[in-house]
Structure formats: C-alpha cells, structure tokens
Amino acid sequence: MGDSISSIFGAVSIVAGIIGILSGSVLGQKLRPRFKQSCDPLICGWTMLASVPLMFASLMLADVSIIAAIAVTFFAVILYYMSLALSGEIILV
C-alpha cells in the first residue's frame, strides 16, 4: 500500500507542477502590461502565501482521508510552482 501511495503522490506532484509552471508563466505575461514589472514578485508572494495553509491542511487531512489530502496537496503544489517560473524571470531581468 505504501508504494502505491507514494507513486500517486509523485504523479500528482508532476501534473500539478506542470500546470503550476504553465499557469504562473501565463498569469505573469497577462498581468505584465497592466502592472509593469511589479506583477512578478506579487504573484510569487501571493501564491506562496496561499500554498502554505493548503499544505498544512493536507497534512492535517492525512489522518482523516488520504484522498482529500492528496486533492488539497494538488492545489497547494500548483500554487507553489506558479512562483517558480516567475522567480527565474525575476532573477534574469
């Protein structure tokens, strides 16, 4: 059972990571004309702040329902990875 849960968690992390990086990049490109260069740090900060309570909730849900914990982890990882594409761009600009 432990091997299947770790495989599911890995697959969820991969899919959420791809979705998060793509959506963070698109969101940064869409908001850049409106907010100039200040939108990238704001997106990074807000998505990181939003991902922390979700990850905490998934840890608390793990005792109750593993399915619910994995679902909440999916959204937490999406929010976490949204900042990765933008933080690389912030460093390069």
C-alpha atoms as a PDB file:
ATOM      1  CA  MET A   1       0.000   0.000   0.000  1.00  0.00           C
ATOM      2  CA  GLY A   2       2.812   2.438   0.809  1.00  0.00           C
ATOM      3  CA  ASP A   3       4.358   2.061  -2.633  1.00  0.00           C
ATOM      4  CA  SER A   4       1.108   2.875  -4.410  1.00  0.00           C
ATOM      5  CA  ILE A   5       0.501   5.990  -2.289  1.00  0.00           C
ATOM      6  CA  SER A   6       3.990   7.306  -2.983  1.00  0.00           C
ATOM      7  CA  SER A   7       3.508   6.664  -6.709  1.00  0.00           C
ATOM      8  CA  ILE A   8       0.175   8.503  -6.644  1.00  0.00           C
ATOM      9  CA  PHE A   9       1.732  11.394  -4.736  1.00  0.00           C
ATOM     10  CA  GLY A  10       4.570  11.567  -7.253  1.00  0.00           C
ATOM     11  CA  ALA A  11       2.182  11.597 -10.206  1.00  0.00           C
ATOM     12  CA  VAL A  12       0.038  14.279  -8.560  1.00  0.00           C
ATOM     13  CA  SER A  13       3.150  16.381  -7.908  1.00  0.00           C
ATOM     14  CA  ILE A  14       4.337  16.070 -11.510  1.00  0.00           C
ATOM     15  CA  VAL A  15       0.974  17.016 -13.014  1.00  0.00           C
ATOM     16  CA  ALA A  16       0.444  19.866 -10.543  1.00  0.00           C
ATOM     17  CA  GLY A  17       3.980  21.123 -11.160  1.00  0.00           C
ATOM     18  CA  ILE A  18       3.472  21.294 -14.907  1.00  0.00           C
ATOM     19  CA  ILE A  19       0.113  23.024 -14.506  1.00  0.00           C
ATOM     20  CA  GLY A  20       1.560  25.436 -11.929  1.00  0.00           C
ATOM     21  CA  ILE A  21       4.573  26.458 -14.001  1.00  0.00           C
ATOM     22  CA  LEU A  22       2.488  26.994 -17.123  1.00  0.00           C
ATOM     23  CA  SER A  23      -0.252  28.923 -15.335  1.00  0.00           C
ATOM     24  CA  GLY A  24       2.255  31.078 -13.438  1.00  0.00           C
ATOM     25  CA  SER A  25       4.010  31.986 -16.650  1.00  0.00           C
ATOM     26  CA  VAL A  26       0.745  32.798 -18.433  1.00  0.00           C
ATOM     27  CA  LEU A  27      -0.532  34.814 -15.469  1.00  0.00           C
ATOM     28  CA  GLY A  28       2.696  36.815 -15.366  1.00  0.00           C
ATOM     29  CA  GLN A  29       2.512  37.555 -19.088  1.00  0.00           C
ATOM     30  CA  LYS A  30      -1.136  38.606 -18.881  1.00  0.00           C
ATOM     31  CA  LEU A  31      -0.631  40.925 -15.890  1.00  0.00           C
ATOM     32  CA  ARG A  32       2.671  42.474 -17.015  1.00  0.00           C
ATOM     33  CA  PRO A  33       1.147  45.147 -19.331  1.00  0.00           C
ATOM     34  CA  ARG A  34      -1.156  46.276 -16.534  1.00  0.00           C
ATOM     35  CA  PHE A  35       1.295  46.285 -13.595  1.00  0.00           C
ATOM     36  CA  LYS A  36       4.645  46.586 -15.439  1.00  0.00           C
ATOM     37  CA  GLN A  37       7.452  44.608 -13.775  1.00  0.00           C
ATOM     38  CA  SER A  38       5.917  44.660 -10.287  1.00  0.00           C
ATOM     39  CA  CYS A  39       3.454  41.849 -11.053  1.00  0.00           C
ATOM     40  CA  ASP A  40       6.032  39.031 -10.916  1.00  0.00           C
ATOM     41  CA  PRO A  41       7.047  39.484  -7.251  1.00  0.00           C
ATOM     42  CA  LEU A  42       3.403  39.966  -6.284  1.00  0.00           C
ATOM     43  CA  ILE A  43       2.359  36.722  -7.967  1.00  0.00           C
ATOM     44  CA  CYS A  44       5.278  34.893  -6.327  1.00  0.00           C
ATOM     45  CA  GLY A  45       4.427  36.228  -2.892  1.00  0.00           C
ATOM     46  CA  TRP A  46       0.684  35.659  -3.047  1.00  0.00           C
ATOM     47  CA  THR A  47       0.923  32.158  -4.451  1.00  0.00           C
ATOM     48  CA  MET A  48       3.485  31.158  -1.816  1.00  0.00           C
ATOM     49  CA  LEU A  49       1.314  32.597   0.943  1.00  0.00           C
ATOM     50  CA  ALA A  50      -1.720  30.748  -0.405  1.00  0.00           C
ATOM     51  CA  SER A  51       0.115  27.422  -0.741  1.00  0.00           C
ATOM     52  CA  VAL A  52       1.298  27.217   2.876  1.00  0.00           C
ATOM     53  CA  PRO A  53      -2.158  26.901   4.532  1.00  0.00           C
ATOM     54  CA  LEU A  54      -3.196  24.373   1.901  1.00  0.00           C
ATOM     55  CA  MET A  55      -0.137  22.237   2.553  1.00  0.00           C
ATOM     56  CA  PHE A  56      -0.791  22.434   6.287  1.00  0.00           C
ATOM     57  CA  ALA A  57      -4.401  21.400   5.680  1.00  0.00           C
ATOM     58  CA  SER A  58      -3.261  18.425   3.626  1.00  0.00           C
ATOM     59  CA  LEU A  59      -1.030  17.294   6.480  1.00  0.00           C
ATOM     60  CA  MET A  60      -3.948  17.516   8.887  1.00  0.00           C
ATOM     61  CA  LEU A  61      -6.265  15.693   6.465  1.00  0.00           C
ATOM     62  CA  ALA A  62      -3.869  12.776   6.001  1.00  0.00           C
ATOM     63  CA  ASP A  63      -5.196  11.091   9.154  1.00  0.00           C
ATOM     64  CA  VAL A  64      -8.814  11.541   8.090  1.00  0.00           C
ATOM     65  CA  SER A  65      -8.824  10.878   4.343  1.00  0.00           C
ATOM     66  CA  ILE A  66      -5.835  10.231   2.128  1.00  0.00           C
ATOM     67  CA  ILE A  67      -7.856  11.127  -0.986  1.00  0.00           C
ATOM     68  CA  ALA A  68      -8.755  14.545   0.433  1.00  0.00           C
ATOM     69  CA  ALA A  69      -5.139  15.097   1.500  1.00  0.00           C
ATOM     70  CA  ILE A  70      -3.869  14.324  -1.993  1.00  0.00           C
ATOM     71  CA  ALA A  71      -6.502  16.604  -3.568  1.00  0.00           C
ATOM     72  CA  VAL A  72      -5.544  19.517  -1.309  1.00  0.00           C
ATOM     73  CA  THR A  73      -1.861  18.793  -1.954  1.00  0.00           C
ATOM     74  CA  PHE A  74      -2.558  19.023  -5.691  1.00  0.00           C
ATOM     75  CA  PHE A  75      -3.783  22.611  -5.340  1.00  0.00           C
ATOM     76  CA  ALA A  76      -1.012  23.530  -2.894  1.00  0.00           C
ATOM     77  CA  VAL A  77       1.632  22.285  -5.326  1.00  0.00           C
ATOM     78  CA  ILE A  78       0.019  24.194  -8.195  1.00  0.00           C
ATOM     79  CA  LEU A  79       0.228  27.411  -6.177  1.00  0.00           C
ATOM     80  CA  TYR A  80       3.791  26.662  -5.094  1.00  0.00           C
ATOM     81  CA  TYR A  81       5.012  26.005  -8.618  1.00  0.00           C
ATOM     82  CA  MET A  82       3.307  29.103 -10.009  1.00  0.00           C
ATOM     83  CA  SER A  83       6.091  31.154  -8.475  1.00  0.00           C
ATOM     84  CA  LEU A  84       8.991  29.104  -9.861  1.00  0.00           C
ATOM     85  CA  ALA A  85       8.761  30.246 -13.482  1.00  0.00           C
ATOM     86  CA  LEU A  86       8.427  33.846 -12.377  1.00  0.00           C
ATOM     87  CA  SER A  87      11.242  33.768  -9.819  1.00  0.00           C
ATOM     88  CA  GLY A  88      13.658  32.651 -12.538  1.00  0.00           C
ATOM     89  CA  GLU A  89      12.494  35.540 -14.684  1.00  0.00           C
ATOM     90  CA  ILE A  90      12.880  37.989 -11.805  1.00  0.00           C
ATOM     91  CA  ILE A  91      16.488  36.885 -11.344  1.00  0.00           C
ATOM     92  CA  LEU A  92      17.290  37.205 -15.055  1.00  0.00           C
ATOM     93  CA  VAL A  93      15.719  40.634 -15.553  1.00  0.00           C
END
